[in-house]
Amino acid sequence: MDMPLEIERKFLIYYPDTDWLAQFPGSRRIDITQTYLLSGEGESRRVRRWYEGGQTVFFKSVKRPLTDRTRVELEEEIGESEYTALLEQADPERLPIRKTRWCIPFADHTLEIDLYDFWTDQATLECELQSEDEVFEIPPEITVIREVTEDRRYLNSSLARSVPPSEAESREGSRTRQNSRAAETKTGGVI
């Protein structure tokens, strides 16, 4: 039996124009609260409350990393009572993550842009792929700061424990701030 794989790349981006996201043809807005549960070594367990279009759905999932880009992901929809019961197993070292996810169809892929309640100047963009070396495009309206696929600090399970400072905060005081931003960012294009 084939294991369900999640293959994705993740990017830190400058906070996008939410009006543009809302008007993008086929875009979807989902408000998500995810809580990480106590779990064994080498796996991540979570539950999610997913609110979209006036309806709330609940999920539980288990992820096990294979590489930086690929994980085994077992996810299933659950009822509200099971969700509430599983919250009793919440990891006390992690806070729930609250985010607004915008899903936008673009160039044969769905890009998932997560806007977190703890950042106002940056967000993340994820793209699920069929293979680790698959090429995809990002719209020119999105400015990539850098790829964070291999940076464990930007896993949601890590963000629930400790939020890295925003790129703007970490650069404050730098005299070359404008030049370094231009050198390190990429607006849209093929990734």
N, C-alpha and C. Protein backbone atom coordinates (compact mmCIF):
# COMPACT_ATOMS: atom_id res chain seq x y z
N MET A 1 0.83 -1.18 0.00
CA MET A 1 0.00 0.00 0.00
C MET A 1 0.88 1.25 0.00
N ASP A 2 0.58 2.19 -0.89
CA ASP A 2 1.32 3.44 -0.96
C ASP A 2 0.97 4.33 0.22
N MET A 3 1.99 4.94 0.81
CA MET A 3 1.77 5.89 1.89
C MET A 3 1.41 7.25 1.28
N PRO A 4 0.46 7.97 1.88
CA PRO A 4 0.11 9.30 1.36
C PRO A 4 1.23 10.29 1.64
N LEU A 5 1.81 10.83 0.58
CA LEU A 5 2.95 11.74 0.72
C LEU A 5 2.52 13.19 0.51
N GLU A 6 3.12 14.06 1.28
CA GLU A 6 2.99 15.50 1.09
C GLU A 6 4.38 15.98 0.67
N ILE A 7 4.47 16.46 -0.57
CA ILE A 7 5.72 17.00 -1.09
C ILE A 7 5.47 18.48 -1.31
N GLU A 8 6.23 19.32 -0.64
CA GLU A 8 5.98 20.75 -0.78
C GLU A 8 7.24 21.57 -0.58
N ARG A 9 7.18 22.79 -1.12
CA ARG A 9 8.21 23.78 -0.87
C ARG A 9 7.55 24.97 -0.20
N LYS A 10 8.32 25.64 0.66
CA LYS A 10 7.77 26.73 1.46
C LYS A 10 8.67 27.95 1.34
N PHE A 11 8.03 29.13 1.23
CA PHE A 11 8.75 30.39 1.05
C PHE A 11 8.26 31.42 2.04
N LEU A 12 9.18 32.22 2.54
CA LEU A 12 8.83 33.41 3.30
C LEU A 12 8.60 34.51 2.28
N ILE A 13 7.46 35.21 2.37
CA ILE A 13 7.12 36.25 1.41
C ILE A 13 6.76 37.54 2.15
N TYR A 14 6.85 38.66 1.45
CA TYR A 14 6.35 39.89 2.03
C TYR A 14 4.83 39.81 2.07
N TYR A 15 4.24 40.43 3.09
CA TYR A 15 2.80 40.36 3.29
C TYR A 15 2.09 40.80 2.01
N PRO A 16 1.24 39.93 1.45
CA PRO A 16 0.62 40.25 0.17
C PRO A 16 -0.58 41.19 0.33
N ASP A 17 -1.00 41.75 -0.76
CA ASP A 17 -2.18 42.60 -0.82
C ASP A 17 -3.41 41.69 -0.70
N THR A 18 -4.13 41.78 0.41
CA THR A 18 -5.27 40.89 0.63
C THR A 18 -6.42 41.19 -0.32
N ASP A 19 -6.54 42.42 -0.78
CA ASP A 19 -7.57 42.72 -1.79
C ASP A 19 -7.25 41.97 -3.08
N TRP A 20 -5.99 41.93 -3.46
CA TRP A 20 -5.59 41.20 -4.65
C TRP A 20 -5.89 39.71 -4.47
N LEU A 21 -5.58 39.16 -3.30
CA LEU A 21 -5.86 37.74 -3.04
C LEU A 21 -7.36 37.46 -3.16
N ALA A 22 -8.18 38.32 -2.57
CA ALA A 22 -9.63 38.12 -2.58
C ALA A 22 -10.21 38.20 -4.00
N GLN A 23 -9.60 39.00 -4.84
CA GLN A 23 -10.11 39.18 -6.20
C GLN A 23 -9.50 38.22 -7.20
N PHE A 24 -8.51 37.45 -6.78
CA PHE A 24 -7.85 36.52 -7.71
C PHE A 24 -8.86 35.46 -8.13
N PRO A 25 -9.03 35.21 -9.44
CA PRO A 25 -10.02 34.23 -9.90
C PRO A 25 -9.80 32.84 -9.27
N GLY A 26 -10.85 32.32 -8.65
CA GLY A 26 -10.77 30.98 -8.04
C GLY A 26 -10.16 30.95 -6.66
N SER A 27 -9.83 32.11 -6.07
CA SER A 27 -9.21 32.10 -4.74
C SER A 27 -10.20 31.65 -3.68
N ARG A 28 -9.66 31.05 -2.64
CA ARG A 28 -10.46 30.61 -1.49
C ARG A 28 -9.81 31.12 -0.22
N ARG A 29 -10.63 31.58 0.73
CA ARG A 29 -10.14 32.03 2.04
C ARG A 29 -10.60 31.02 3.08
N ILE A 30 -9.64 30.55 3.89
CA ILE A 30 -9.94 29.58 4.94
C ILE A 30 -9.31 30.08 6.23
N ASP A 31 -10.10 30.18 7.29
CA ASP A 31 -9.57 30.55 8.60
C ASP A 31 -9.29 29.27 9.36
N ILE A 32 -8.04 29.12 9.80
CA ILE A 32 -7.58 27.87 10.39
C ILE A 32 -7.04 28.12 11.80
N THR A 33 -7.44 27.25 12.71
CA THR A 33 -6.78 27.16 14.02
C THR A 33 -6.24 25.75 14.12
N GLN A 34 -4.94 25.62 14.32
CA GLN A 34 -4.37 24.28 14.46
C GLN A 34 -3.63 24.18 15.78
N THR A 35 -3.87 23.06 16.44
CA THR A 35 -3.30 22.80 17.75
C THR A 35 -2.45 21.55 17.65
N TYR A 36 -1.22 21.65 18.11
CA TYR A 36 -0.32 20.50 18.09
C TYR A 36 -0.52 19.67 19.35
N LEU A 37 -0.54 18.37 19.15
CA LEU A 37 -0.79 17.42 20.23
C LEU A 37 0.52 16.78 20.66
N LEU A 38 0.53 16.24 21.87
CA LEU A 38 1.68 15.46 22.31
C LEU A 38 1.88 14.33 21.31
N SER A 39 3.12 14.07 20.95
CA SER A 39 3.38 13.04 19.94
C SER A 39 4.71 12.37 20.20
N GLY A 40 4.89 11.22 19.55
CA GLY A 40 6.11 10.45 19.70
C GLY A 40 7.26 11.06 18.91
N GLU A 41 8.42 10.54 19.13
CA GLU A 41 9.63 10.99 18.45
C GLU A 41 9.48 10.77 16.94
N GLY A 42 9.84 11.78 16.17
CA GLY A 42 9.84 11.64 14.72
C GLY A 42 8.49 11.83 14.06
N GLU A 43 7.50 12.31 14.80
CA GLU A 43 6.21 12.57 14.18
C GLU A 43 5.59 13.83 14.77
N SER A 44 4.63 14.36 14.05
CA SER A 44 3.90 15.54 14.49
C SER A 44 2.42 15.23 14.39
N ARG A 45 1.68 15.45 15.48
CA ARG A 45 0.23 15.24 15.50
C ARG A 45 -0.44 16.58 15.73
N ARG A 46 -1.55 16.82 15.00
CA ARG A 46 -2.27 18.07 15.17
C ARG A 46 -3.75 17.87 14.89
N VAL A 47 -4.54 18.82 15.38
CA VAL A 47 -5.94 18.92 15.00
C VAL A 47 -6.16 20.32 14.44
N ARG A 48 -7.11 20.41 13.52
CA ARG A 48 -7.41 21.69 12.88
C ARG A 48 -8.89 21.98 12.90
N ARG A 49 -9.19 23.23 13.16
CA ARG A 49 -10.54 23.76 12.97
C ARG A 49 -10.44 24.61 11.71
N TRP A 50 -11.25 24.29 10.71
CA TRP A 50 -11.15 24.86 9.37
C TRP A 50 -12.49 25.53 9.07
N TYR A 51 -12.50 26.86 8.95
CA TYR A 51 -13.73 27.61 8.70
C TYR A 51 -13.66 28.22 7.31
N GLU A 52 -14.62 27.83 6.45
CA GLU A 52 -14.64 28.35 5.07
C GLU A 52 -16.09 28.47 4.62
N GLY A 53 -16.42 29.63 4.08
CA GLY A 53 -17.74 29.83 3.50
C GLY A 53 -18.90 29.54 4.44
N GLY A 54 -18.73 29.89 5.72
CA GLY A 54 -19.81 29.70 6.67
C GLY A 54 -19.90 28.30 7.27
N GLN A 55 -18.99 27.42 6.90
CA GLN A 55 -19.00 26.06 7.44
C GLN A 55 -17.70 25.76 8.17
N THR A 56 -17.82 25.00 9.26
CA THR A 56 -16.65 24.59 10.04
C THR A 56 -16.46 23.09 9.89
N VAL A 57 -15.22 22.71 9.61
CA VAL A 57 -14.84 21.30 9.47
C VAL A 57 -13.64 21.08 10.38
N PHE A 58 -13.50 19.86 10.89
CA PHE A 58 -12.40 19.52 11.80
C PHE A 58 -11.58 18.38 11.19
N PHE A 59 -10.26 18.45 11.41
CA PHE A 59 -9.35 17.42 10.89
C PHE A 59 -8.36 17.03 11.98
N LYS A 60 -7.88 15.80 11.88
CA LYS A 60 -6.71 15.40 12.66
C LYS A 60 -5.70 14.84 11.68
N SER A 61 -4.43 15.03 11.99
CA SER A 61 -3.39 14.53 11.09
C SER A 61 -2.15 14.14 11.85
N VAL A 62 -1.40 13.26 11.23
CA VAL A 62 -0.09 12.83 11.72
C VAL A 62 0.87 12.97 10.54
N LYS A 63 2.02 13.60 10.81
CA LYS A 63 3.05 13.76 9.78
C LYS A 63 4.35 13.16 10.27
N ARG A 64 5.05 12.49 9.35
CA ARG A 64 6.38 11.94 9.62
C ARG A 64 7.30 12.37 8.48
N PRO A 65 8.39 13.08 8.80
CA PRO A 65 9.27 13.55 7.73
C PRO A 65 10.07 12.41 7.10
N LEU A 66 10.22 12.49 5.78
CA LEU A 66 11.12 11.59 5.05
C LEU A 66 12.34 12.37 4.58
N THR A 67 12.10 13.58 4.04
CA THR A 67 13.17 14.52 3.65
C THR A 67 12.66 15.91 4.05
N ASP A 68 13.46 16.95 3.76
CA ASP A 68 13.01 18.31 4.05
C ASP A 68 11.78 18.70 3.25
N ARG A 69 11.59 18.09 2.09
CA ARG A 69 10.46 18.44 1.23
C ARG A 69 9.33 17.42 1.25
N THR A 70 9.57 16.24 1.78
CA THR A 70 8.57 15.17 1.70
C THR A 70 8.26 14.60 3.07
N ARG A 71 6.95 14.44 3.32
CA ARG A 71 6.48 13.84 4.57
C ARG A 71 5.38 12.83 4.26
N VAL A 72 5.28 11.83 5.12
CA VAL A 72 4.09 10.98 5.11
C VAL A 72 3.04 11.76 5.89
N GLU A 73 1.85 11.91 5.30
CA GLU A 73 0.79 12.66 5.97
C GLU A 73 -0.49 11.83 5.99
N LEU A 74 -0.94 11.52 7.18
CA LEU A 74 -2.21 10.82 7.37
C LEU A 74 -3.19 11.84 7.95
N GLU A 75 -4.21 12.18 7.18
CA GLU A 75 -5.16 13.20 7.61
C GLU A 75 -6.58 12.70 7.38
N GLU A 76 -7.45 12.99 8.34
CA GLU A 76 -8.84 12.61 8.19
C GLU A 76 -9.75 13.63 8.83
N GLU A 77 -10.94 13.76 8.24
CA GLU A 77 -11.95 14.64 8.81
C GLU A 77 -12.53 13.96 10.04
N ILE A 78 -12.77 14.75 11.10
CA ILE A 78 -13.35 14.23 12.34
C ILE A 78 -14.52 15.12 12.76
N GLY A 79 -15.29 14.64 13.71
CA GLY A 79 -16.40 15.42 14.24
C GLY A 79 -15.93 16.39 15.31
N GLU A 80 -16.79 17.33 15.66
CA GLU A 80 -16.44 18.34 16.66
C GLU A 80 -16.18 17.71 18.02
N SER A 81 -16.90 16.67 18.38
CA SER A 81 -16.69 16.06 19.70
C SER A 81 -15.32 15.38 19.79
N GLU A 82 -14.88 14.72 18.71
CA GLU A 82 -13.55 14.12 18.71
C GLU A 82 -12.47 15.20 18.75
N TYR A 83 -12.69 16.28 17.98
CA TYR A 83 -11.77 17.42 17.99
C TYR A 83 -11.61 17.96 19.41
N THR A 84 -12.73 18.18 20.08
CA THR A 84 -12.70 18.72 21.44
C THR A 84 -11.98 17.76 22.39
N ALA A 85 -12.23 16.47 22.25
CA ALA A 85 -11.56 15.47 23.10
C ALA A 85 -10.06 15.46 22.85
N LEU A 86 -9.65 15.57 21.58
CA LEU A 86 -8.21 15.56 21.26
C LEU A 86 -7.50 16.81 21.77
N LEU A 87 -8.22 17.92 21.92
CA LEU A 87 -7.60 19.12 22.47
C LEU A 87 -7.06 18.88 23.88
N GLU A 88 -7.59 17.88 24.57
CA GLU A 88 -7.08 17.53 25.90
C GLU A 88 -5.64 17.01 25.83
N GLN A 89 -5.21 16.59 24.63
CA GLN A 89 -3.84 16.09 24.43
C GLN A 89 -2.91 17.16 23.87
N ALA A 90 -3.33 18.42 23.93
CA ALA A 90 -2.52 19.51 23.38
C ALA A 90 -1.15 19.55 24.04
N ASP A 91 -0.14 19.79 23.22
CA ASP A 91 1.23 19.93 23.72
C ASP A 91 1.32 21.24 24.50
N PRO A 92 1.61 21.19 25.79
CA PRO A 92 1.64 22.42 26.60
C PRO A 92 2.78 23.38 26.24
N GLU A 93 3.76 22.89 25.47
CA GLU A 93 4.89 23.74 25.06
C GLU A 93 4.61 24.49 23.77
N ARG A 94 3.43 24.25 23.17
CA ARG A 94 3.10 24.90 21.90
C ARG A 94 1.76 25.61 22.00
N LEU A 95 1.70 26.79 21.42
CA LEU A 95 0.45 27.55 21.36
C LEU A 95 -0.30 27.19 20.09
N PRO A 96 -1.62 27.30 20.10
CA PRO A 96 -2.35 27.11 18.84
C PRO A 96 -1.91 28.14 17.81
N ILE A 97 -1.87 27.72 16.57
CA ILE A 97 -1.54 28.60 15.44
C ILE A 97 -2.86 29.04 14.82
N ARG A 98 -3.01 30.35 14.66
CA ARG A 98 -4.19 30.90 13.98
C ARG A 98 -3.70 31.60 12.72
N LYS A 99 -4.32 31.24 11.61
CA LYS A 99 -3.90 31.83 10.35
C LYS A 99 -5.07 31.89 9.38
N THR A 100 -4.94 32.80 8.43
CA THR A 100 -5.86 32.85 7.31
C THR A 100 -5.10 32.32 6.11
N ARG A 101 -5.66 31.29 5.50
CA ARG A 101 -5.02 30.68 4.33
C ARG A 101 -5.77 31.11 3.08
N TRP A 102 -5.03 31.63 2.13
CA TRP A 102 -5.57 31.93 0.81
C TRP A 102 -5.04 30.89 -0.15
N CYS A 103 -5.92 30.17 -0.82
CA CYS A 103 -5.55 29.20 -1.84
C CYS A 103 -5.82 29.84 -3.19
N ILE A 104 -4.77 29.95 -3.99
CA ILE A 104 -4.95 30.55 -5.31
C ILE A 104 -4.43 29.59 -6.38
N PRO A 105 -5.28 29.32 -7.36
CA PRO A 105 -4.84 28.47 -8.47
C PRO A 105 -3.97 29.31 -9.41
N PHE A 106 -2.78 28.80 -9.71
CA PHE A 106 -1.88 29.56 -10.57
C PHE A 106 -0.97 28.62 -11.33
N ALA A 107 -0.99 28.69 -12.65
CA ALA A 107 -0.09 27.94 -13.53
C ALA A 107 -0.05 26.45 -13.15
N ASP A 108 -1.22 25.82 -13.11
CA ASP A 108 -1.36 24.37 -12.88
C ASP A 108 -1.02 23.92 -11.46
N HIS A 109 -0.93 24.83 -10.51
CA HIS A 109 -0.69 24.49 -9.11
C HIS A 109 -1.65 25.30 -8.23
N THR A 110 -1.79 24.88 -7.00
CA THR A 110 -2.51 25.68 -6.01
C THR A 110 -1.48 26.19 -5.02
N LEU A 111 -1.38 27.51 -4.93
CA LEU A 111 -0.47 28.13 -3.98
C LEU A 111 -1.25 28.42 -2.71
N GLU A 112 -0.67 28.08 -1.56
CA GLU A 112 -1.30 28.31 -0.27
C GLU A 112 -0.52 29.40 0.45
N ILE A 113 -1.17 30.54 0.64
CA ILE A 113 -0.55 31.69 1.28
C ILE A 113 -1.14 31.81 2.68
N ASP A 114 -0.29 31.68 3.69
CA ASP A 114 -0.72 31.73 5.08
C ASP A 114 -0.37 33.06 5.72
N LEU A 115 -1.40 33.76 6.21
CA LEU A 115 -1.25 35.02 6.91
C LEU A 115 -1.47 34.74 8.39
N TYR A 116 -0.42 34.90 9.18
CA TYR A 116 -0.46 34.57 10.61
C TYR A 116 -0.82 35.79 11.44
N ASP A 117 -1.41 35.55 12.60
CA ASP A 117 -1.79 36.68 13.45
C ASP A 117 -0.60 37.31 14.17
N PHE A 118 0.59 36.72 14.09
CA PHE A 118 1.76 37.28 14.79
C PHE A 118 2.69 38.06 13.87
N TRP A 119 2.45 38.08 12.56
CA TRP A 119 3.25 38.87 11.63
C TRP A 119 2.35 39.83 10.87
N THR A 120 2.82 41.04 10.64
CA THR A 120 2.06 42.00 9.84
C THR A 120 2.82 42.41 8.57
N ASP A 121 4.07 41.97 8.45
CA ASP A 121 4.87 42.37 7.30
C ASP A 121 5.34 41.21 6.43
N GLN A 122 5.08 40.00 6.87
CA GLN A 122 5.48 38.83 6.09
C GLN A 122 4.49 37.70 6.29
N ALA A 123 4.58 36.69 5.42
CA ALA A 123 3.69 35.54 5.43
C ALA A 123 4.46 34.38 4.83
N THR A 124 3.80 33.24 4.67
CA THR A 124 4.44 32.11 4.01
C THR A 124 3.61 31.68 2.81
N LEU A 125 4.28 31.09 1.85
CA LEU A 125 3.64 30.53 0.67
C LEU A 125 4.13 29.10 0.55
N GLU A 126 3.20 28.16 0.38
CA GLU A 126 3.55 26.76 0.16
C GLU A 126 2.96 26.30 -1.16
N CYS A 127 3.64 25.37 -1.78
CA CYS A 127 3.13 24.75 -2.99
C CYS A 127 3.36 23.25 -2.89
N GLU A 128 2.26 22.49 -2.97
CA GLU A 128 2.38 21.03 -2.97
C GLU A 128 2.71 20.58 -4.38
N LEU A 129 3.61 19.59 -4.44
CA LEU A 129 4.16 19.14 -5.72
C LEU A 129 3.98 17.63 -5.89
N GLN A 130 4.20 17.17 -7.11
CA GLN A 130 4.16 15.73 -7.40
C GLN A 130 5.53 15.08 -7.19
N SER A 131 6.59 15.89 -7.27
CA SER A 131 7.95 15.39 -7.04
C SER A 131 8.78 16.51 -6.43
N GLU A 132 9.87 16.16 -5.79
CA GLU A 132 10.70 17.16 -5.12
C GLU A 132 11.35 18.15 -6.07
N ASP A 133 11.56 17.75 -7.34
CA ASP A 133 12.23 18.63 -8.29
C ASP A 133 11.27 19.29 -9.27
N GLU A 134 9.97 19.21 -9.02
CA GLU A 134 8.99 19.82 -9.90
C GLU A 134 9.12 21.35 -9.89
N VAL A 135 8.98 21.95 -11.05
CA VAL A 135 9.07 23.40 -11.22
C VAL A 135 7.66 23.98 -11.15
N PHE A 136 7.53 25.16 -10.56
CA PHE A 136 6.24 25.85 -10.52
C PHE A 136 6.47 27.34 -10.58
N GLU A 137 5.39 28.09 -10.75
CA GLU A 137 5.49 29.54 -10.89
C GLU A 137 4.77 30.24 -9.74
N ILE A 138 5.26 31.44 -9.45
CA ILE A 138 4.66 32.32 -8.45
C ILE A 138 4.27 33.61 -9.17
N PRO A 139 3.07 34.13 -8.91
CA PRO A 139 2.65 35.36 -9.60
C PRO A 139 3.57 36.55 -9.29
N PRO A 140 3.70 37.49 -10.22
CA PRO A 140 4.58 38.64 -10.00
C PRO A 140 4.12 39.54 -8.86
N GLU A 141 2.87 39.43 -8.42
CA GLU A 141 2.38 40.24 -7.31
C GLU A 141 2.89 39.76 -5.96
N ILE A 142 3.52 38.59 -5.93
CA ILE A 142 4.06 38.02 -4.70
C ILE A 142 5.57 38.22 -4.69
N THR A 143 6.11 38.77 -3.61
CA THR A 143 7.55 38.97 -3.48
C THR A 143 8.11 37.98 -2.48
N VAL A 144 8.97 37.10 -2.97
CA VAL A 144 9.61 36.09 -2.14
C VAL A 144 10.81 36.71 -1.44
N ILE A 145 10.87 36.52 -0.12
CA ILE A 145 12.04 36.95 0.64
C ILE A 145 13.12 35.89 0.50
N ARG A 146 12.73 34.63 0.79
CA ARG A 146 13.66 33.50 0.63
C ARG A 146 12.90 32.20 0.81
N GLU A 147 13.50 31.13 0.33
CA GLU A 147 12.93 29.80 0.54
C GLU A 147 13.25 29.35 1.96
N VAL A 148 12.26 28.75 2.63
CA VAL A 148 12.45 28.28 4.00
C VAL A 148 12.08 26.79 4.13
N THR A 149 12.01 26.09 3.01
CA THR A 149 11.66 24.68 3.03
C THR A 149 12.54 23.89 3.99
N GLU A 150 13.82 24.18 4.01
CA GLU A 150 14.76 23.42 4.84
C GLU A 150 15.06 24.10 6.17
N ASP A 151 14.38 25.20 6.46
CA ASP A 151 14.58 25.93 7.71
C ASP A 151 13.49 25.51 8.69
N ARG A 152 13.83 24.65 9.62
CA ARG A 152 12.85 24.07 10.54
C ARG A 152 12.13 25.11 11.40
N ARG A 153 12.71 26.30 11.55
CA ARG A 153 12.05 27.36 12.33
C ARG A 153 10.71 27.76 11.73
N TYR A 154 10.52 27.51 10.43
CA TYR A 154 9.30 27.94 9.75
C TYR A 154 8.29 26.81 9.56
N LEU A 155 8.56 25.65 10.13
CA LEU A 155 7.51 24.62 10.20
C LEU A 155 6.43 25.14 11.14
N ASN A 156 5.17 24.87 10.84
CA ASN A 156 4.10 25.33 11.73
C ASN A 156 4.26 24.76 13.13
N SER A 157 4.75 23.54 13.23
CA SER A 157 4.96 22.95 14.56
C SER A 157 6.03 23.71 15.33
N SER A 158 7.00 24.29 14.64
CA SER A 158 8.02 25.12 15.29
C SER A 158 7.48 26.51 15.61
N LEU A 159 6.68 27.07 14.70
CA LEU A 159 6.10 28.39 14.94
C LEU A 159 5.18 28.37 16.16
N ALA A 160 4.57 27.23 16.43
CA ALA A 160 3.70 27.10 17.61
C ALA A 160 4.51 27.20 18.90
N ARG A 161 5.79 26.94 18.81
CA ARG A 161 6.69 26.99 19.98
C ARG A 161 7.43 28.31 20.08
N SER A 162 7.91 28.83 18.96
CA SER A 162 8.73 30.03 18.96
C SER A 162 8.66 30.68 17.58
N VAL A 163 8.27 31.94 17.54
CA VAL A 163 8.14 32.66 16.28
C VAL A 163 9.43 33.41 15.99
N PRO A 164 10.06 33.12 14.83
CA PRO A 164 11.26 33.89 14.48
C PRO A 164 10.89 35.35 14.25
N PRO A 165 11.80 36.28 14.50
CA PRO A 165 11.48 37.68 14.24
C PRO A 165 11.22 37.89 12.75
N SER A 166 10.44 38.90 12.44
CA SER A 166 10.19 39.19 11.03
C SER A 166 11.50 39.63 10.38
N GLU A 167 11.58 39.48 9.09
CA GLU A 167 12.79 39.88 8.36
C GLU A 167 13.06 41.37 8.58
N ALA A 168 12.02 42.19 8.62
CA ALA A 168 12.20 43.63 8.83
C ALA A 168 12.79 43.89 10.21
N GLU A 169 12.29 43.19 11.24
CA GLU A 169 12.82 43.36 12.59
C GLU A 169 14.27 42.93 12.67
N SER A 170 14.62 41.86 12.00
CA SER A 170 15.98 41.36 12.09
C SER A 170 16.96 42.22 11.32
N ARG A 171 16.47 43.07 10.44
CA ARG A 171 17.34 43.95 9.66
C ARG A 171 17.39 45.37 10.20
N GLU A 172 16.57 45.70 11.20
CA GLU A 172 16.55 47.07 11.71
C GLU A 172 17.94 47.49 12.14
N GLY A 173 18.25 48.72 11.84
CA GLY A 173 19.56 49.23 12.19
C GLY A 173 20.59 49.02 11.10
N SER A 174 20.24 48.20 10.11
CA SER A 174 21.18 47.96 9.02
C SER A 174 21.16 49.12 8.04
N ARG A 175 22.34 49.65 7.72
CA ARG A 175 22.43 50.78 6.80
C ARG A 175 22.18 50.34 5.35
N THR A 176 22.31 49.05 5.10
CA THR A 176 22.15 48.56 3.72
C THR A 176 20.81 47.85 3.55
N ARG A 177 19.84 48.22 4.36
CA ARG A 177 18.55 47.53 4.35
C ARG A 177 17.91 47.51 2.96
N GLN A 178 17.84 48.64 2.28
CA GLN A 178 17.18 48.68 0.98
C GLN A 178 17.96 47.86 -0.04
N ASN A 179 19.28 47.97 -0.04
CA ASN A 179 20.08 47.21 -1.00
C ASN A 179 19.99 45.72 -0.75
N SER A 180 20.00 45.30 0.53
CA SER A 180 19.94 43.87 0.81
C SER A 180 18.58 43.31 0.46
N ARG A 181 17.52 44.08 0.66
CA ARG A 181 16.18 43.59 0.30
C ARG A 181 16.12 43.35 -1.21
N ALA A 182 16.62 44.29 -1.98
CA ALA A 182 16.59 44.13 -3.44
C ALA A 182 17.42 42.93 -3.87
N ALA A 183 18.53 42.69 -3.20
CA ALA A 183 19.40 41.58 -3.59
C ALA A 183 18.83 40.22 -3.19
N GLU A 184 18.05 40.16 -2.11
CA GLU A 184 17.59 38.88 -1.59
C GLU A 184 16.18 38.49 -2.00
N THR A 185 15.43 39.38 -2.62
CA THR A 185 14.04 39.08 -2.93
C THR A 185 13.87 38.75 -4.40
N LYS A 186 12.78 38.08 -4.68
CA LYS A 186 12.43 37.73 -6.05
C LYS A 186 10.93 37.94 -6.19
N THR A 187 10.52 38.70 -7.16
CA THR A 187 9.11 38.95 -7.39
C THR A 187 8.62 37.99 -8.46
N GLY A 188 7.72 37.08 -8.04
CA GLY A 188 7.10 36.14 -8.97
C GLY A 188 8.11 35.32 -9.74
N GLY A 189 7.60 34.63 -10.76
CA GLY A 189 8.46 33.89 -11.66
C GLY A 189 8.49 32.41 -11.40
N VAL A 190 9.37 31.73 -12.13
CA VAL A 190 9.52 30.28 -12.05
C VAL A 190 10.44 29.94 -10.90
N ILE A 191 10.02 28.99 -10.08
CA ILE A 191 10.81 28.57 -8.92
C ILE A 191 11.29 27.15 -9.16
